[in-house]
Each structure stands twice: as structure tokens, then as C-alpha cells.
Amino acid sequence: SGASLETKVAQNSRILAIIFSGVLQLLLSGIEEARHTNQIPCLPLLQVFINFISRGSSADLVENDKCWEKIEVSSNAYRISRLTDGDSSSYWETSGRAGSHWIRLTMKKNVVIKKLSIDVNTSDSSYMPRKITVQGGASLNAMVDINNIS
């Protein structure tokens, strides 16, 4: 049984080395792509990777490993961290009259958004948005509608 345990440990070590190599390759290719396009690298996977390899340690995450500078909301700002915590059981909700709710995401310079997603609780129709407008621009005064979802 000792030999089979050693075999399993060796197999697990090889699998872990392959996963580590793949994640490292993905991170390096993201950095290289950003370098070629003169953009700031946006590597949210890096935070997941650091969490994984530093389990049980006191390593601090790098706060700059995000693509946005700030997030603002129309109300309930104390729940703002729930917008980006990755936990599907937590949520941010607004308060106030209908049609007055907004989320403003200020991106870091030279970041290109390729995908934006918003999860809503379809079972709670009282809080379902009737319309979502995505706007973009170089400044708050120069915003233009990019997409409207009804």
C-alpha cells in the first residue's frame, strides 16, 4: 500500500505541476498581450491564483489587481463590495423610487471591456430592472449610450 500511496502522490504532483504551468502560461500571455497593445494588464485570474497558492498563509492580495479605479452606486453604498465579491449568494440592491438607480464603474486607463455581465434574481420580480442602459465615455460629461437592454 506504501508503493501505491507514493504513486498517487507522484501523480498528484504531476497534475498540480501541469495546472500550475497552465495558469502561469495564461498569466504571462495576458501580460504579453497588454504589453503589445500598450494597455495596463487586467488579470483577475491572478487574484484567484494568489489565493490558491497562498492558502493558509498570511499573504496579502495586491489591491491593484483589478480593472477599475472605483465603483459608485445610487444608494446603499455600504453594500458596494457585494457587486464584485464573486459570491452569488450576496447582492447589492438599491433603495428609492423606480428609475433612479445606477451603478457607475470607472475603469482604469486603457482598459478595454470585452464583456460586462449583470446577474439579477428573476424570481423576485419586484426588483427586476425594466431597462438597463450601458454607457461609456472619456468622462462623466461625455457619456454616450452603448447598449440598451429592456
C-alpha atoms as a PDB file:
ATOM      1  CA  SER A   1       0.000   0.000   0.000  1.00  0.00           C
ATOM      2  CA  GLY A   2       3.004   2.303   0.581  1.00  0.00           C
ATOM      3  CA  ALA A   3       4.006   1.998  -3.085  1.00  0.00           C
ATOM      4  CA  SER A   4       0.503   2.855  -4.297  1.00  0.00           C
ATOM      5  CA  LEU A   5       0.439   5.879  -1.989  1.00  0.00           C
ATOM      6  CA  GLU A   6       3.761   7.050  -3.432  1.00  0.00           C
ATOM      7  CA  THR A   7       2.362   6.548  -6.945  1.00  0.00           C
ATOM      8  CA  LYS A   8      -0.726   8.636  -6.117  1.00  0.00           C
ATOM      9  CA  VAL A   9       1.412  11.379  -4.582  1.00  0.00           C
ATOM     10  CA  ALA A  10       3.613  11.418  -7.696  1.00  0.00           C
ATOM     11  CA  GLN A  11       0.543  11.565  -9.974  1.00  0.00           C
ATOM     12  CA  ASN A  12      -0.976  14.399  -7.951  1.00  0.00           C
ATOM     13  CA  SER A  13       2.329  16.268  -8.063  1.00  0.00           C
ATOM     14  CA  ARG A  14       2.454  15.939 -11.861  1.00  0.00           C
ATOM     15  CA  ILE A  15      -1.162  17.093 -12.195  1.00  0.00           C
ATOM     16  CA  LEU A  16      -0.503  20.078  -9.937  1.00  0.00           C
ATOM     17  CA  ALA A  17       2.624  20.952 -11.938  1.00  0.00           C
ATOM     18  CA  ILE A  18       0.599  20.852 -15.183  1.00  0.00           C
ATOM     19  CA  ILE A  19      -2.133  23.078 -13.693  1.00  0.00           C
ATOM     20  CA  PHE A  20       0.470  25.480 -12.285  1.00  0.00           C
ATOM     21  CA  SER A  21       2.215  25.616 -15.649  1.00  0.00           C
ATOM     22  CA  GLY A  22      -1.069  26.313 -17.479  1.00  0.00           C
ATOM     23  CA  VAL A  23      -2.109  29.095 -15.115  1.00  0.00           C
ATOM     24  CA  LEU A  24       1.343  30.636 -15.289  1.00  0.00           C
ATOM     25  CA  GLN A  25       1.272  30.482 -19.103  1.00  0.00           C
ATOM     26  CA  LEU A  26      -2.173  32.146 -19.129  1.00  0.00           C
ATOM     27  CA  LEU A  27      -0.970  34.945 -16.844  1.00  0.00           C
ATOM     28  CA  LEU A  28       2.183  35.527 -18.874  1.00  0.00           C
ATOM     29  CA  SER A  29       0.248  35.615 -22.157  1.00  0.00           C
ATOM     30  CA  GLY A  30      -2.133  38.204 -20.648  1.00  0.00           C
ATOM     31  CA  ILE A  31       0.806  40.355 -19.603  1.00  0.00           C
ATOM     32  CA  GLU A  32       2.438  39.961 -23.019  1.00  0.00           C
ATOM     33  CA  GLU A  33      -0.786  40.881 -24.842  1.00  0.00           C
ATOM     34  CA  ALA A  34      -1.182  44.002 -22.696  1.00  0.00           C
ATOM     35  CA  ARG A  35       2.436  44.946 -23.377  1.00  0.00           C
ATOM     36  CA  HIS A  36       1.954  44.671 -27.152  1.00  0.00           C
ATOM     37  CA  THR A  37      -1.207  46.786 -27.069  1.00  0.00           C
ATOM     38  CA  ASN A  38       0.225  49.351 -24.613  1.00  0.00           C
ATOM     39  CA  GLN A  39      -2.561  48.628 -22.144  1.00  0.00           C
ATOM     40  CA  ILE A  40      -2.493  48.058 -18.425  1.00  0.00           C
ATOM     41  CA  PRO A  41      -2.794  44.306 -17.879  1.00  0.00           C
ATOM     42  CA  CYS A  42      -6.090  43.282 -16.319  1.00  0.00           C
ATOM     43  CA  LEU A  43      -5.587  39.895 -14.753  1.00  0.00           C
ATOM     44  CA  PRO A  44      -8.443  38.991 -12.380  1.00  0.00           C
ATOM     45  CA  LEU A  45      -7.232  35.376 -12.587  1.00  0.00           C
ATOM     46  CA  LEU A  46      -4.072  36.481 -10.795  1.00  0.00           C
ATOM     47  CA  GLN A  47      -6.055  37.112  -7.601  1.00  0.00           C
ATOM     48  CA  VAL A  48      -7.584  33.616  -7.776  1.00  0.00           C
ATOM     49  CA  PHE A  49      -4.149  32.128  -8.413  1.00  0.00           C
ATOM     50  CA  ILE A  50      -2.578  34.010  -5.482  1.00  0.00           C
ATOM     51  CA  ASN A  51      -5.455  32.881  -3.238  1.00  0.00           C
ATOM     52  CA  PHE A  52      -4.866  29.282  -4.282  1.00  0.00           C
ATOM     53  CA  ILE A  53      -1.103  29.166  -3.809  1.00  0.00           C
ATOM     54  CA  SER A  54      -1.182  31.160  -0.563  1.00  0.00           C
ATOM     55  CA  ARG A  55      -3.863  29.121   1.215  1.00  0.00           C
ATOM     56  CA  GLY A  56      -3.099  29.055   4.891  1.00  0.00           C
ATOM     57  CA  SER A  57      -0.529  31.832   4.673  1.00  0.00           C
ATOM     58  CA  SER A  58      -0.775  35.478   5.602  1.00  0.00           C
ATOM     59  CA  ALA A  59      -0.072  36.713   2.060  1.00  0.00           C
ATOM     60  CA  ASP A  60      -1.933  39.903   1.226  1.00  0.00           C
ATOM     61  CA  LEU A  61      -3.614  40.293  -2.138  1.00  0.00           C
ATOM     62  CA  VAL A  62      -2.489  43.089  -4.381  1.00  0.00           C
ATOM     63  CA  GLU A  63      -5.264  45.697  -4.428  1.00  0.00           C
ATOM     64  CA  ASN A  64      -4.183  46.875  -7.886  1.00  0.00           C
ATOM     65  CA  ASP A  65      -5.179  43.562  -9.467  1.00  0.00           C
ATOM     66  CA  LYS A  66      -8.480  44.891 -10.738  1.00  0.00           C
ATOM     67  CA  CYS A  67      -9.508  46.695 -13.902  1.00  0.00           C
ATOM     68  CA  TRP A  68     -11.486  49.510 -12.316  1.00  0.00           C
ATOM     69  CA  GLU A  69     -10.488  52.563 -10.323  1.00  0.00           C
ATOM     70  CA  LYS A  70     -13.756  52.964  -8.442  1.00  0.00           C
ATOM     71  CA  ILE A  71     -17.362  51.874  -8.269  1.00  0.00           C
ATOM     72  CA  GLU A  72     -20.163  54.245  -7.271  1.00  0.00           C
ATOM     73  CA  VAL A  73     -23.849  53.476  -6.739  1.00  0.00           C
ATOM     74  CA  SER A  74     -27.055  55.453  -6.416  1.00  0.00           C
ATOM     75  CA  SER A  75     -27.790  54.113  -2.908  1.00  0.00           C
ATOM     76  CA  ASN A  76     -26.743  51.579  -0.282  1.00  0.00           C
ATOM     77  CA  ALA A  77     -23.035  52.289  -0.795  1.00  0.00           C
ATOM     78  CA  TYR A  78     -22.211  50.192   2.269  1.00  0.00           C
ATOM     79  CA  ARG A  79     -23.061  47.096   0.162  1.00  0.00           C
ATOM     80  CA  ILE A  80     -20.907  48.103  -2.816  1.00  0.00           C
ATOM     81  CA  SER A  81     -18.344  45.319  -2.255  1.00  0.00           C
ATOM     82  CA  ARG A  82     -21.088  42.784  -2.978  1.00  0.00           C
ATOM     83  CA  LEU A  83     -21.044  43.835  -6.635  1.00  0.00           C
ATOM     84  CA  THR A  84     -17.609  42.317  -7.171  1.00  0.00           C
ATOM     85  CA  ASP A  85     -17.144  39.702  -4.442  1.00  0.00           C
ATOM     86  CA  GLY A  86     -17.867  36.772  -6.778  1.00  0.00           C
ATOM     87  CA  ASP A  87     -20.340  35.314  -4.281  1.00  0.00           C
ATOM     88  CA  SER A  88     -23.649  34.514  -5.975  1.00  0.00           C
ATOM     89  CA  SER A  89     -25.424  34.473  -2.599  1.00  0.00           C
ATOM     90  CA  SER A  90     -24.535  38.106  -1.823  1.00  0.00           C
ATOM     91  CA  TYR A  91     -26.051  41.049  -3.656  1.00  0.00           C
ATOM     92  CA  TRP A  92     -26.360  44.789  -3.870  1.00  0.00           C
ATOM     93  CA  GLU A  93     -29.814  46.317  -4.119  1.00  0.00           C
ATOM     94  CA  THR A  94     -30.963  49.875  -4.422  1.00  0.00           C
ATOM     95  CA  SER A  95     -33.430  51.930  -2.462  1.00  0.00           C
ATOM     96  CA  GLY A  96     -35.505  54.830  -3.689  1.00  0.00           C
ATOM     97  CA  ARG A  97     -38.014  55.390  -6.434  1.00  0.00           C
ATOM     98  CA  ALA A  98     -38.074  53.356  -9.637  1.00  0.00           C
ATOM     99  CA  GLY A  99     -35.855  54.601 -12.441  1.00  0.00           C
ATOM    100  CA  SER A 100     -33.380  56.354 -10.148  1.00  0.00           C
ATOM    101  CA  HIS A 101     -30.920  53.511  -9.673  1.00  0.00           C
ATOM    102  CA  TRP A 102     -27.462  53.340 -11.172  1.00  0.00           C
ATOM    103  CA  ILE A 103     -24.039  51.733 -10.884  1.00  0.00           C
ATOM    104  CA  ARG A 104     -21.036  53.719 -12.143  1.00  0.00           C
ATOM    105  CA  LEU A 105     -17.882  51.766 -12.881  1.00  0.00           C
ATOM    106  CA  THR A 106     -14.819  53.941 -13.523  1.00  0.00           C
ATOM    107  CA  MET A 107     -12.277  51.891 -15.425  1.00  0.00           C
ATOM    108  CA  LYS A 108      -8.507  52.268 -15.296  1.00  0.00           C
ATOM    109  CA  LYS A 109      -6.980  53.993 -18.320  1.00  0.00           C
ATOM    110  CA  ASN A 110      -6.507  51.897 -21.459  1.00  0.00           C
ATOM    111  CA  VAL A 111      -8.732  49.046 -20.254  1.00  0.00           C
ATOM    112  CA  VAL A 112     -10.992  47.638 -22.943  1.00  0.00           C
ATOM    113  CA  ILE A 113     -14.196  45.976 -21.753  1.00  0.00           C
ATOM    114  CA  LYS A 114     -14.931  42.914 -23.833  1.00  0.00           C
ATOM    115  CA  LYS A 115     -17.731  41.539 -21.671  1.00  0.00           C
ATOM    116  CA  LEU A 116     -19.967  43.028 -18.997  1.00  0.00           C
ATOM    117  CA  SER A 117     -22.465  40.888 -17.125  1.00  0.00           C
ATOM    118  CA  ILE A 118     -25.119  41.640 -14.551  1.00  0.00           C
ATOM    119  CA  ASP A 119     -26.881  38.858 -12.678  1.00  0.00           C
ATOM    120  CA  VAL A 120     -30.421  39.525 -11.496  1.00  0.00           C
ATOM    121  CA  ASN A 121     -32.765  37.460  -9.360  1.00  0.00           C
ATOM    122  CA  THR A 122     -35.537  36.596 -11.801  1.00  0.00           C
ATOM    123  CA  SER A 123     -37.663  35.043  -9.053  1.00  0.00           C
ATOM    124  CA  ASP A 124     -38.075  38.454  -7.359  1.00  0.00           C
ATOM    125  CA  SER A 125     -39.994  40.493  -9.941  1.00  0.00           C
ATOM    126  CA  SER A 126     -40.357  43.488  -7.610  1.00  0.00           C
ATOM    127  CA  TYR A 127     -36.648  44.255  -8.026  1.00  0.00           C
ATOM    128  CA  MET A 128     -36.241  43.362 -11.691  1.00  0.00           C
ATOM    129  CA  PRO A 129     -34.913  46.210 -13.801  1.00  0.00           C
ATOM    130  CA  ARG A 130     -37.193  47.185 -16.673  1.00  0.00           C
ATOM    131  CA  LYS A 131     -34.337  48.705 -18.629  1.00  0.00           C
ATOM    132  CA  ILE A 132     -30.554  48.608 -18.366  1.00  0.00           C
ATOM    133  CA  THR A 133     -28.531  51.220 -20.216  1.00  0.00           C
ATOM    134  CA  VAL A 134     -24.798  50.752 -20.646  1.00  0.00           C
ATOM    135  CA  GLN A 135     -22.946  53.999 -21.278  1.00  0.00           C
ATOM    136  CA  GLY A 136     -19.311  54.777 -21.938  1.00  0.00           C
ATOM    137  CA  GLY A 137     -17.153  57.820 -22.447  1.00  0.00           C
ATOM    138  CA  ALA A 138     -13.898  59.545 -21.654  1.00  0.00           C
ATOM    139  CA  SER A 139     -15.538  61.484 -18.815  1.00  0.00           C
ATOM    140  CA  LEU A 140     -18.846  61.688 -16.966  1.00  0.00           C
ATOM    141  CA  ASN A 141     -19.863  64.664 -19.123  1.00  0.00           C
ATOM    142  CA  ALA A 142     -19.084  62.833 -22.362  1.00  0.00           C
ATOM    143  CA  MET A 143     -21.114  59.658 -21.824  1.00  0.00           C
ATOM    144  CA  VAL A 144     -22.936  58.061 -24.755  1.00  0.00           C
ATOM    145  CA  ASP A 145     -25.305  55.101 -24.795  1.00  0.00           C
ATOM    146  CA  ILE A 146     -23.560  51.921 -25.894  1.00  0.00           C
ATOM    147  CA  ASN A 147     -26.436  49.499 -25.390  1.00  0.00           C
ATOM    148  CA  ASN A 148     -29.977  49.422 -24.018  1.00  0.00           C
ATOM    149  CA  ILE A 149     -31.486  46.209 -22.688  1.00  0.00           C
ATOM    150  CA  SER A 150     -35.221  46.086 -22.000  1.00  0.00           C
END
